[in-house]
Amino acid sequence: MLASGESTGFRMNVDGRKGSSFNNVGILANDSMYVFVEVTVDPNGGNQPLLIQDSVLFTVNGIRQSVLLEAYGQDVNLYKGGVTITKDSILTANRPYLIYDSLVIAKGVSLNIEKGATFYMHDKASLIVHGSMNALGTLDEPITFRGDRLDYILNDILPYDRTPGQWGGITFKADSYGNVWDNVIVRNGTSGVYCELSTPDRPKIKINNSQITNMGSDLFFAINCDVIATNTEFSNAGGSVLTLVGGKYYFAHCTMANYMSLTKREMASETVPLDSKCLYLLNNVTVDGNGPYPITQAYFDNCTIDGSYDVELKADGSTDFDYRFNHCALKAKESSSDHFKEVLFIKKTPSYRKVGGKQNKYTYDFRPDSVSTTGVGKADPEITKNYPIDRYGVNRLTSSNGPTIGAYEFVQEETEDSNE
């Protein structure tokens, strides 16, 4: 029986029978009984999560026992049925946002999101931006976009929150410009971030100190846009991590890596135009019969481009174009081209703290875990002066090894022995 008699919101099903109390339930020798418990938590009017407790009480052979039940409920701001924001607005961080279907920012509308806000995106839900979006989180209070499932897909090893394909993605439409992200985390969607065909004469989006990770298909795709990204991790996708088609791009101290293990990395076919490489630079190509769109600039300073393939970079186009890798660590074929300056060509997988797998409960941590990891102490110090603090708040300029390539400065990981 339920100790509360269902007053707490818990409900019980015993071998297909619903109720709160069951008596004289027989179990034959070598047989078993299924007991299912679910809960619905009513709104409580507060901004903080609410703990709900109950117990299942049962008596077997005269011995009374109990199983504790616990669940957390959280009031949310619910957007359902396709909601469009039609005037300049601020979304606060008081309560999480639960998004069904789509949340649309209308053309000409500016949306500001407070630090610490969390968006729980339901299956196939998407954020569509026609206007502009300013998401300004902090290191301690980032803004997060994630799926809405809080349970596990594999025992206590793999939660849905580490599984790609849990929701749709974020699209910046052709008429969206001037978007700014700082300390934003976007994870576990299907299509990641998609920047529609635009003009590189206007800033499309600036991304700083952020993480976009674990997407079922392409992670970040931009067509003829002006994009700046600094101190940001782009990681793990079933498709490409970054595909840049025409436009103008600048990336500094970014980590781009594809060690996706929870979905198969795509291979080019009749229906899939591109392999699942980490980075594509596509110059002078047409899109839906329009174009071609030239890459006017693609500069990468102090960046890591890595992954599980032997080659993770492809620069393609009908003519040469203005791209540059300066003091980068690249999983690519060695080249003496002027496009590559002081580049480290990765021969073997660098040593990161965690690269997925069951032993790591499918978590990833692309911070270098050894002073010998490719890129440690090899960044261009002149570039680093412009970005002295890494994504975790570590000062690159005070490192005894010199600044590290990528979004993360090398810091010796503390162990239990080192704390004794």
Protein backbone atom coordinates (compact mmCIF):
# COMPACT_ATOMS: atom_id res chain seq x y z
CA MET A 1 0.00 0.00 0.00
CA LEU A 2 0.98 3.66 -0.40
CA ALA A 3 1.53 5.23 3.00
CA SER A 4 -0.16 8.45 1.85
CA GLY A 5 -3.06 6.81 0.05
CA GLU A 6 -2.20 8.77 -3.13
CA SER A 7 -2.41 12.18 -1.42
CA THR A 8 1.18 13.00 -2.45
CA GLY A 9 0.58 12.38 -6.15
CA PHE A 10 2.18 8.94 -6.31
CA ARG A 11 0.15 6.14 -7.95
CA MET A 12 0.74 2.41 -7.89
CA ASN A 13 0.04 -0.49 -10.23
CA VAL A 14 0.44 -4.06 -8.96
CA ASP A 15 0.39 -6.76 -11.63
CA GLY A 16 -1.89 -4.66 -13.82
CA ARG A 17 -4.23 -3.48 -11.06
CA LYS A 18 -4.35 0.20 -10.13
CA GLY A 19 -4.91 1.39 -6.59
CA SER A 20 -3.29 2.54 -3.38
CA SER A 21 -3.84 -0.59 -1.28
CA PHE A 22 -3.79 -4.31 -2.08
CA ASN A 23 -4.44 -7.25 0.25
CA ASN A 24 -3.86 -11.00 0.10
CA VAL A 25 -1.84 -10.94 -3.11
CA GLY A 26 -0.53 -14.44 -3.67
CA ILE A 27 2.75 -15.31 -5.37
CA LEU A 28 3.35 -18.88 -6.55
CA ALA A 29 6.67 -20.62 -6.04
CA ASN A 30 9.40 -19.29 -8.38
CA ASP A 31 7.03 -16.57 -9.57
CA SER A 32 7.29 -12.79 -9.23
CA MET A 33 5.12 -9.70 -8.96
CA TYR A 34 5.45 -6.42 -10.85
CA VAL A 35 4.92 -3.18 -8.94
CA PHE A 36 4.99 0.09 -10.91
CA VAL A 37 4.91 3.53 -9.32
CA GLU A 38 4.42 6.89 -11.05
CA VAL A 39 3.92 10.42 -9.78
CA THR A 40 2.34 13.66 -10.92
CA VAL A 41 3.56 16.72 -9.05
CA ASP A 42 1.04 19.56 -8.88
CA PRO A 43 2.21 23.18 -9.36
CA ASN A 44 3.33 24.67 -6.06
CA GLY A 45 3.62 28.35 -6.99
CA GLY A 46 7.31 28.49 -6.09
CA ASN A 47 10.48 28.98 -8.10
CA GLN A 48 12.52 26.24 -6.43
CA PRO A 49 12.28 22.46 -6.94
CA LEU A 50 9.97 20.70 -4.47
CA LEU A 51 10.79 17.32 -2.91
CA ILE A 52 7.86 14.86 -2.77
CA GLN A 53 8.16 11.78 -0.55
CA ASP A 54 6.04 8.73 0.10
CA SER A 55 6.53 5.04 0.88
CA VAL A 56 5.34 1.69 -0.36
CA LEU A 57 4.46 -0.45 2.68
CA PHE A 58 4.15 -4.20 2.40
CA THR A 59 3.92 -7.17 4.72
CA VAL A 60 5.33 -10.55 3.71
CA ASN A 61 5.06 -13.56 6.04
CA GLY A 62 4.25 -11.26 8.94
CA ILE A 63 7.26 -9.00 8.37
CA ARG A 64 6.45 -5.35 7.60
CA GLN A 65 8.83 -3.53 5.23
CA SER A 66 8.89 -0.28 3.27
CA VAL A 67 10.43 1.29 0.18
CA LEU A 68 11.04 5.04 0.19
CA LEU A 69 9.73 7.01 -2.80
CA GLU A 70 11.21 10.40 -3.70
CA ALA A 71 10.56 12.73 -6.61
CA TYR A 72 11.27 16.36 -7.38
CA GLY A 73 8.78 18.70 -8.99
CA GLN A 74 9.52 22.08 -10.53
CA ASP A 75 7.13 24.77 -11.66
CA VAL A 76 8.01 25.89 -15.20
CA ASN A 77 7.09 28.50 -17.75
CA LEU A 78 5.29 26.38 -20.34
CA TYR A 79 5.36 27.33 -24.02
CA LYS A 80 3.20 24.91 -25.98
CA GLY A 81 1.54 24.83 -29.39
CA GLY A 82 4.03 27.06 -31.18
CA VAL A 83 4.55 30.38 -29.37
CA THR A 84 5.79 33.53 -31.13
CA ILE A 85 7.39 36.41 -29.22
CA THR A 86 6.20 39.54 -31.03
CA LYS A 87 7.74 42.35 -28.96
CA ASP A 88 11.08 43.03 -27.30
CA SER A 89 11.21 40.78 -24.24
CA ILE A 90 13.33 39.55 -21.36
CA LEU A 91 13.14 35.93 -20.26
CA THR A 92 14.17 35.73 -16.61
CA ALA A 93 15.88 32.86 -14.84
CA ASN A 94 13.32 32.55 -12.02
CA ARG A 95 11.84 29.34 -13.42
CA PRO A 96 12.91 26.95 -16.18
CA TYR A 97 11.19 27.06 -19.56
CA LEU A 98 9.54 23.95 -21.00
CA ILE A 99 9.18 24.24 -24.77
CA TYR A 100 6.85 22.09 -26.84
CA ASP A 101 6.66 22.44 -30.63
CA SER A 102 8.52 25.72 -31.26
CA LEU A 103 9.43 29.05 -29.74
CA VAL A 104 9.73 31.76 -32.41
CA ILE A 105 11.30 35.21 -32.12
CA ALA A 106 9.57 37.40 -34.70
CA LYS A 107 11.37 39.60 -37.21
CA GLY A 108 12.65 42.84 -35.71
CA VAL A 109 12.14 41.60 -32.14
CA SER A 110 14.99 41.48 -29.63
CA LEU A 111 14.97 38.72 -27.01
CA ASN A 112 17.24 39.02 -23.97
CA ILE A 113 17.80 35.98 -21.77
CA GLU A 114 18.98 36.34 -18.19
CA LYS A 115 21.99 34.49 -16.87
CA GLY A 116 21.16 31.10 -15.35
CA ALA A 117 18.06 30.48 -17.46
CA THR A 118 17.39 26.87 -18.46
CA PHE A 119 15.30 25.74 -21.43
CA TYR A 120 13.94 22.18 -21.41
CA MET A 121 13.13 21.31 -25.01
CA HIS A 122 10.59 18.57 -25.66
CA ASP A 123 10.97 15.99 -28.42
CA LYS A 124 11.35 17.78 -31.80
CA ALA A 125 10.95 21.23 -30.20
CA SER A 126 12.91 24.04 -31.84
CA LEU A 127 13.92 27.65 -31.29
CA ILE A 128 13.51 29.78 -34.42
CA VAL A 129 15.02 33.26 -34.50
CA HIS A 130 13.93 35.88 -37.06
CA GLY A 131 14.86 38.82 -34.84
CA SER A 132 17.87 38.88 -32.52
CA MET A 133 18.79 36.88 -29.46
CA ASN A 134 21.07 38.07 -26.68
CA ALA A 135 21.87 35.21 -24.32
CA LEU A 136 24.37 36.51 -21.79
CA GLY A 137 25.20 33.92 -19.18
CA THR A 138 28.17 33.78 -16.85
CA LEU A 139 30.69 31.09 -15.96
CA ASP A 140 28.78 30.26 -12.76
CA GLU A 141 25.31 30.81 -14.24
CA PRO A 142 25.30 29.72 -17.88
CA ILE A 143 22.22 29.69 -20.08
CA THR A 144 21.32 26.11 -21.03
CA PHE A 145 19.30 24.53 -23.83
CA ARG A 146 18.77 20.79 -23.33
CA GLY A 147 16.20 18.01 -23.64
CA ASP A 148 13.36 17.69 -21.13
CA ARG A 149 13.94 14.09 -20.06
CA LEU A 150 15.54 13.75 -16.63
CA ASP A 151 15.64 9.95 -16.46
CA TYR A 152 18.11 7.33 -17.65
CA ILE A 153 18.19 5.40 -20.89
CA LEU A 154 20.74 2.92 -19.52
CA ASN A 155 20.52 2.14 -15.80
CA ASP A 156 22.52 4.75 -13.87
CA ILE A 157 25.18 5.00 -16.59
CA LEU A 158 23.61 6.92 -19.47
CA PRO A 159 21.00 9.63 -18.80
CA TYR A 160 18.93 11.09 -21.61
CA ASP A 161 20.77 14.33 -20.91
CA ARG A 162 23.88 12.79 -22.51
CA THR A 163 22.02 11.29 -25.46
CA PRO A 164 21.80 13.10 -28.84
CA GLY A 165 18.53 13.65 -30.69
CA GLN A 166 16.40 14.63 -27.68
CA TRP A 167 14.95 17.75 -29.34
CA GLY A 168 15.16 19.71 -32.59
CA GLY A 169 17.63 22.56 -32.76
CA ILE A 170 18.14 26.32 -33.03
CA THR A 171 17.72 28.12 -36.36
CA PHE A 172 18.78 31.68 -37.09
CA LYS A 173 16.70 32.66 -40.09
CA ALA A 174 17.93 34.72 -43.04
CA ASP A 175 16.62 37.97 -41.54
CA SER A 176 18.27 37.43 -38.13
CA TYR A 177 21.41 39.44 -37.35
CA GLY A 178 23.28 40.77 -34.34
CA ASN A 179 22.89 37.69 -32.15
CA VAL A 180 25.20 37.41 -29.13
CA TRP A 181 25.89 34.36 -26.97
CA ASP A 182 28.10 34.37 -23.90
CA ASN A 183 28.36 31.34 -21.61
CA VAL A 184 25.64 29.39 -23.39
CA ILE A 185 25.37 25.58 -23.38
CA VAL A 186 23.43 23.82 -26.15
CA ARG A 187 23.39 20.04 -25.96
CA ASN A 188 21.75 16.82 -27.12
CA GLY A 189 19.60 18.09 -29.96
CA THR A 190 19.22 16.76 -33.48
CA SER A 191 20.25 19.57 -35.81
CA GLY A 192 22.28 21.80 -33.49
CA VAL A 193 22.64 25.41 -34.62
CA TYR A 194 21.73 26.34 -38.20
CA CYS A 195 22.40 29.80 -39.64
CA GLU A 196 20.42 30.29 -42.82
CA LEU A 197 21.70 31.93 -45.99
CA SER A 198 22.53 35.54 -45.09
CA THR A 199 25.01 38.26 -46.04
CA PRO A 200 28.52 38.39 -44.57
CA ASP A 201 28.30 42.20 -44.55
CA ARG A 202 26.37 42.07 -41.26
CA PRO A 203 27.34 40.16 -38.08
CA LYS A 204 25.20 37.02 -37.80
CA ILE A 205 26.28 35.76 -34.39
CA LYS A 206 29.09 36.19 -31.88
CA ILE A 207 29.68 33.23 -29.57
CA ASN A 208 31.99 33.37 -26.56
CA ASN A 209 32.83 30.97 -23.75
CA SER A 210 30.11 28.55 -24.80
CA GLN A 211 29.59 24.86 -25.56
CA ILE A 212 27.60 23.30 -28.39
CA THR A 213 27.76 19.54 -28.12
CA ASN A 214 26.32 16.10 -28.81
CA MET A 215 24.00 16.50 -31.81
CA GLY A 216 22.42 13.71 -33.83
CA SER A 217 23.22 15.30 -37.21
CA ASP A 218 25.15 18.51 -38.04
CA LEU A 219 26.23 20.51 -35.02
CA PHE A 220 26.85 24.01 -36.48
CA PHE A 221 26.00 24.90 -40.08
CA ALA A 222 26.27 28.41 -41.55
CA ILE A 223 25.67 29.65 -45.10
CA ASN A 224 27.23 32.94 -46.25
CA CYS A 225 27.30 34.37 -42.73
CA ASP A 226 29.59 36.49 -40.57
CA VAL A 227 30.34 34.38 -37.50
CA ILE A 228 32.82 35.01 -34.68
CA ALA A 229 33.46 32.35 -32.03
CA THR A 230 35.97 32.52 -29.18
CA ASN A 231 36.73 30.30 -26.20
CA THR A 232 34.07 27.85 -27.31
CA GLU A 233 33.77 24.07 -27.58
CA PHE A 234 32.06 22.54 -30.62
CA SER A 235 31.97 18.79 -30.12
CA ASN A 236 30.46 15.46 -31.13
CA ALA A 237 27.95 15.09 -33.94
CA GLY A 238 26.51 12.39 -36.14
CA GLY A 239 27.10 14.80 -39.04
CA SER A 240 29.76 17.48 -39.30
CA VAL A 241 30.78 19.55 -36.29
CA LEU A 242 31.19 22.74 -38.33
CA THR A 243 30.17 23.31 -41.94
CA LEU A 244 30.91 26.81 -43.20
CA VAL A 245 29.55 27.58 -46.67
CA GLY A 246 30.70 30.88 -48.11
CA GLY A 247 30.84 33.91 -45.81
CA LYS A 248 33.27 35.35 -43.30
CA TYR A 249 34.44 33.51 -40.18
CA TYR A 250 36.81 33.97 -37.27
CA PHE A 251 37.50 31.39 -34.55
CA ALA A 252 40.00 31.86 -31.72
CA HIS A 253 40.88 29.49 -28.88
CA CYS A 254 38.12 27.06 -29.85
CA THR A 255 38.08 23.29 -29.43
CA MET A 256 36.40 21.43 -32.28
CA ALA A 257 36.30 17.67 -31.80
CA ASN A 258 34.22 14.75 -32.99
CA TYR A 259 34.47 11.57 -30.95
CA MET A 260 30.77 10.79 -31.22
CA SER A 261 30.01 7.30 -29.95
CA LEU A 262 26.26 7.31 -29.25
CA THR A 263 25.22 7.52 -32.90
CA LYS A 264 26.99 6.46 -36.06
CA ARG A 265 28.98 9.17 -37.81
CA GLU A 266 27.53 9.77 -41.28
CA MET A 267 29.29 8.78 -44.50
CA ALA A 268 28.68 10.54 -47.81
CA SER A 269 26.01 8.88 -49.96
CA GLU A 270 23.23 9.75 -52.39
CA THR A 271 21.17 11.15 -49.52
CA VAL A 272 24.03 12.47 -47.34
CA PRO A 273 26.20 14.99 -49.24
CA LEU A 274 29.07 15.21 -46.74
CA ASP A 275 31.03 12.87 -44.52
CA SER A 276 30.91 13.49 -40.79
CA LYS A 277 34.16 15.47 -40.65
CA CYS A 278 34.89 17.88 -37.87
CA LEU A 279 35.30 20.94 -40.11
CA TYR A 280 34.21 21.71 -43.66
CA LEU A 281 35.13 24.92 -45.47
CA LEU A 282 33.08 25.10 -48.66
CA ASN A 283 34.00 27.92 -51.04
CA ASN A 284 32.12 29.00 -54.17
CA VAL A 285 29.38 26.40 -53.88
CA THR A 286 25.72 26.80 -54.75
CA VAL A 287 22.87 26.30 -52.29
CA ASP A 288 19.43 25.32 -53.60
CA GLY A 289 20.38 26.63 -57.02
CA ASN A 290 21.58 29.99 -55.68
CA GLY A 291 25.13 31.28 -55.50
CA PRO A 292 27.92 30.40 -55.73
CA TYR A 293 28.92 31.84 -52.35
CA PRO A 294 32.61 32.62 -51.79
CA ILE A 295 34.37 32.40 -48.45
CA THR A 296 35.85 35.87 -48.12
CA GLN A 297 37.72 34.95 -44.93
CA ALA A 298 38.07 31.94 -42.64
CA TYR A 299 40.67 32.48 -39.93
CA PHE A 300 41.42 30.08 -37.10
CA ASP A 301 43.82 31.14 -34.33
CA ASN A 302 44.90 28.81 -31.51
CA CYS A 303 42.20 26.25 -32.34
CA THR A 304 42.03 22.46 -32.06
CA ILE A 305 40.35 20.49 -34.87
CA ASP A 306 40.34 16.81 -33.89
CA GLY A 307 38.29 13.63 -33.96
CA SER A 308 38.22 9.88 -34.42
CA TYR A 309 38.81 10.01 -38.20
CA ASP A 310 42.31 10.14 -39.69
CA VAL A 311 41.42 13.42 -41.42
CA GLU A 312 38.94 15.83 -39.81
CA LEU A 313 39.41 18.91 -42.01
CA LYS A 314 38.38 19.56 -45.59
CA ALA A 315 38.74 22.88 -47.42
CA ASP A 316 36.92 22.56 -50.73
CA GLY A 317 36.00 24.85 -53.59
CA SER A 318 36.50 25.59 -57.25
CA THR A 319 39.16 28.24 -56.51
CA ASP A 320 41.65 29.07 -53.78
CA PHE A 321 40.32 31.32 -51.04
CA ASP A 322 41.40 33.21 -47.96
CA TYR A 323 41.67 30.76 -45.11
CA ARG A 324 44.32 30.49 -42.41
CA PHE A 325 45.19 28.20 -39.54
CA ASN A 326 47.58 29.91 -37.14
CA HIS A 327 49.08 27.98 -34.22
CA CYS A 328 46.40 25.30 -34.45
CA ALA A 329 46.37 21.55 -33.73
CA LEU A 330 44.85 19.81 -36.76
CA LYS A 331 43.83 16.24 -37.53
CA ALA A 332 44.66 16.69 -41.20
CA LYS A 333 47.16 15.78 -43.89
CA GLU A 334 50.43 17.58 -43.41
CA SER A 335 50.88 20.59 -45.65
CA SER A 336 53.49 23.29 -46.19
CA SER A 337 50.90 25.62 -47.71
CA ASP A 338 50.86 29.25 -46.66
CA HIS A 339 47.38 28.57 -45.29
CA PHE A 340 49.04 26.82 -42.33
CA LYS A 341 51.27 28.76 -39.93
CA GLU A 342 52.97 27.05 -36.99
CA VAL A 343 50.44 24.22 -37.17
CA LEU A 344 50.72 20.95 -35.24
CA PHE A 345 49.41 18.08 -37.35
CA ILE A 346 47.92 15.51 -34.98
CA LYS A 347 49.30 12.01 -35.50
CA LYS A 348 47.51 10.26 -32.66
CA THR A 349 44.60 11.01 -30.38
CA PRO A 350 45.56 13.71 -27.87
CA SER A 351 45.20 12.85 -24.22
CA TYR A 352 41.95 14.37 -22.95
CA ARG A 353 40.41 13.92 -19.51
CA LYS A 354 37.37 11.97 -20.77
CA VAL A 355 36.43 10.76 -24.25
CA GLY A 356 33.10 9.01 -23.76
CA GLY A 357 32.70 5.28 -23.33
CA LYS A 358 30.93 3.27 -20.69
CA GLN A 359 33.86 3.64 -18.32
CA ASN A 360 33.28 7.42 -18.31
CA LYS A 361 29.47 7.08 -18.23
CA TYR A 362 29.52 8.58 -21.73
CA THR A 363 30.81 11.94 -20.54
CA TYR A 364 33.36 14.01 -22.44
CA ASP A 365 35.92 16.44 -21.10
CA PHE A 366 38.21 17.89 -23.75
CA ARG A 367 40.58 19.54 -21.32
CA PRO A 368 44.12 18.21 -21.91
CA ASP A 369 45.11 15.84 -19.12
CA SER A 370 48.85 15.76 -19.71
CA VAL A 371 51.56 18.33 -20.30
CA SER A 372 52.53 16.24 -23.33
CA THR A 373 49.07 16.55 -24.92
CA THR A 374 49.24 18.08 -28.39
CA GLY A 375 48.84 21.84 -28.13
CA VAL A 376 49.90 22.40 -24.52
CA GLY A 377 52.13 25.48 -24.42
CA LYS A 378 51.93 25.91 -28.21
CA ALA A 379 49.39 28.71 -28.65
CA ASP A 380 50.31 32.05 -30.21
CA PRO A 381 50.83 34.29 -27.15
CA GLU A 382 49.92 37.42 -29.10
CA ILE A 383 46.48 35.98 -29.85
CA THR A 384 46.13 34.73 -26.28
CA LYS A 385 46.55 38.27 -24.96
CA ASN A 386 43.14 39.02 -26.47
CA TYR A 387 41.56 35.96 -24.77
CA PRO A 388 43.50 35.53 -21.51
CA ILE A 389 40.84 33.49 -19.66
CA ASP A 390 39.80 30.02 -20.83
CA ARG A 391 36.29 28.58 -20.86
CA TYR A 392 36.60 27.41 -17.23
CA GLY A 393 37.99 30.71 -15.97
CA VAL A 394 41.66 29.65 -15.96
CA ASN A 395 44.20 32.38 -16.72
CA ARG A 396 46.21 31.34 -19.76
CA LEU A 397 48.85 34.00 -19.24
CA THR A 398 50.02 32.63 -15.88
CA SER A 399 50.59 29.05 -17.07
CA SER A 400 54.15 27.84 -16.51
CA ASN A 401 53.88 25.86 -19.76
CA GLY A 402 52.74 28.80 -21.87
CA PRO A 403 49.22 29.15 -23.29
CA THR A 404 47.50 26.04 -24.65
CA ILE A 405 45.82 25.68 -28.04
CA GLY A 406 42.04 25.26 -27.85
CA ALA A 407 39.31 26.40 -25.49
CA TYR A 408 40.95 24.91 -22.40
CA GLU A 409 44.20 25.74 -20.68
CA PHE A 410 46.15 22.78 -19.32
CA VAL A 411 45.75 22.39 -15.56
CA GLN A 412 47.02 19.34 -13.74
CA GLU A 413 43.97 17.36 -12.64
CA GLU A 414 43.82 16.82 -8.91
CA THR A 415 43.73 13.23 -7.69
CA GLU A 416 42.78 11.76 -4.34
CA ASP A 417 46.47 11.27 -3.56
CA SER A 418 47.26 14.92 -4.30
CA ASN A 419 44.62 16.02 -1.80
CA GLU A 420 45.95 13.96 1.05
